Amino acid sequence: MISTLLTLFVVGIVALMVLSVVGAVLGLAVGLLFKLIPVLLVGYVVMRLLAPKQKKLSAEDRAWLES
């Protein structure tokens, strides 16, 4: 009887430790996402605005490239 209670107690303690580690990892990941996503989004928008637009090749340029 006592060994069963001790086993359940140990299993409960181990489960709490595992869940706390999983919660800490997920909390850290979500926290980093909310800090990094806005910075990455702003950087992406700035790069899209500053990047040179690719122009269509004229027929003469295309003929020169293919020759």
Protein backbone atom coordinates (compact mmCIF):
# COMPACT_ATOMS: atom_id res chain seq x y z
CA MET A 1 0.00 0.00 0.00
CA ILE A 2 2.72 2.43 0.97
CA SER A 3 4.87 1.41 -2.02
CA THR A 4 1.94 2.16 -4.36
CA LEU A 5 1.45 5.60 -2.82
CA LEU A 6 5.18 6.34 -3.03
CA THR A 7 5.22 5.20 -6.67
CA LEU A 8 2.31 7.49 -7.50
CA PHE A 9 4.01 10.32 -5.64
CA VAL A 10 7.28 9.85 -7.55
CA VAL A 11 5.43 9.58 -10.89
CA GLY A 12 3.54 12.78 -10.06
CA ILE A 13 6.73 14.63 -9.17
CA VAL A 14 8.44 13.47 -12.38
CA ALA A 15 5.40 14.47 -14.44
CA LEU A 16 5.38 17.94 -12.86
CA MET A 17 9.08 18.38 -13.60
CA VAL A 18 8.63 17.30 -17.23
CA LEU A 19 5.64 19.59 -17.69
CA SER A 20 7.51 22.52 -16.15
CA VAL A 21 10.43 22.00 -18.54
CA VAL A 22 8.06 21.74 -21.53
CA GLY A 23 6.23 24.87 -20.38
CA ALA A 24 9.48 26.78 -19.98
CA VAL A 25 10.66 25.80 -23.45
CA LEU A 26 7.33 26.70 -25.04
CA GLY A 27 7.20 29.99 -23.13
CA LEU A 28 10.68 30.88 -24.28
CA ALA A 29 9.85 29.98 -27.89
CA VAL A 30 6.64 32.02 -27.89
CA GLY A 31 8.39 34.94 -26.22
CA LEU A 32 11.13 34.92 -28.84
CA LEU A 33 8.57 34.69 -31.62
CA PHE A 34 6.74 37.77 -30.40
CA LYS A 35 10.05 39.63 -30.19
CA LEU A 36 11.53 38.43 -33.48
CA ILE A 37 8.53 38.37 -35.82
CA PRO A 38 7.96 42.15 -35.80
CA VAL A 39 11.67 42.81 -36.44
CA LEU A 40 11.77 40.24 -39.25
CA LEU A 41 8.58 41.63 -40.76
CA VAL A 42 9.91 45.20 -40.75
CA GLY A 43 13.19 44.03 -42.26
CA TYR A 44 11.38 42.11 -44.98
CA VAL A 45 9.20 45.10 -45.88
CA VAL A 46 12.19 47.45 -45.95
CA MET A 47 14.16 45.07 -48.16
CA ARG A 48 11.22 44.69 -50.53
CA LEU A 49 10.90 48.47 -50.79
CA LEU A 50 14.62 49.10 -51.27
CA ALA A 51 15.35 46.22 -53.63
CA PRO A 52 15.69 47.26 -57.26
CA LYS A 53 12.77 46.29 -59.42
CA GLN A 54 13.60 43.89 -62.21
CA LYS A 55 12.76 45.29 -65.58
CA LYS A 56 11.42 43.25 -68.46
CA LEU A 57 13.93 42.67 -71.20
CA SER A 58 13.27 44.33 -74.49
CA ALA A 59 13.11 42.25 -77.66
CA GLU A 60 16.53 43.57 -78.71
CA ASP A 61 18.12 42.63 -75.41
CA ARG A 62 16.57 39.18 -75.50
CA ALA A 63 17.81 38.61 -79.06
CA TRP A 64 21.32 39.76 -78.06
CA LEU A 65 21.33 37.39 -75.05
CA GLU A 66 20.14 34.42 -77.08
CA SER A 67 22.68 34.97 -79.88
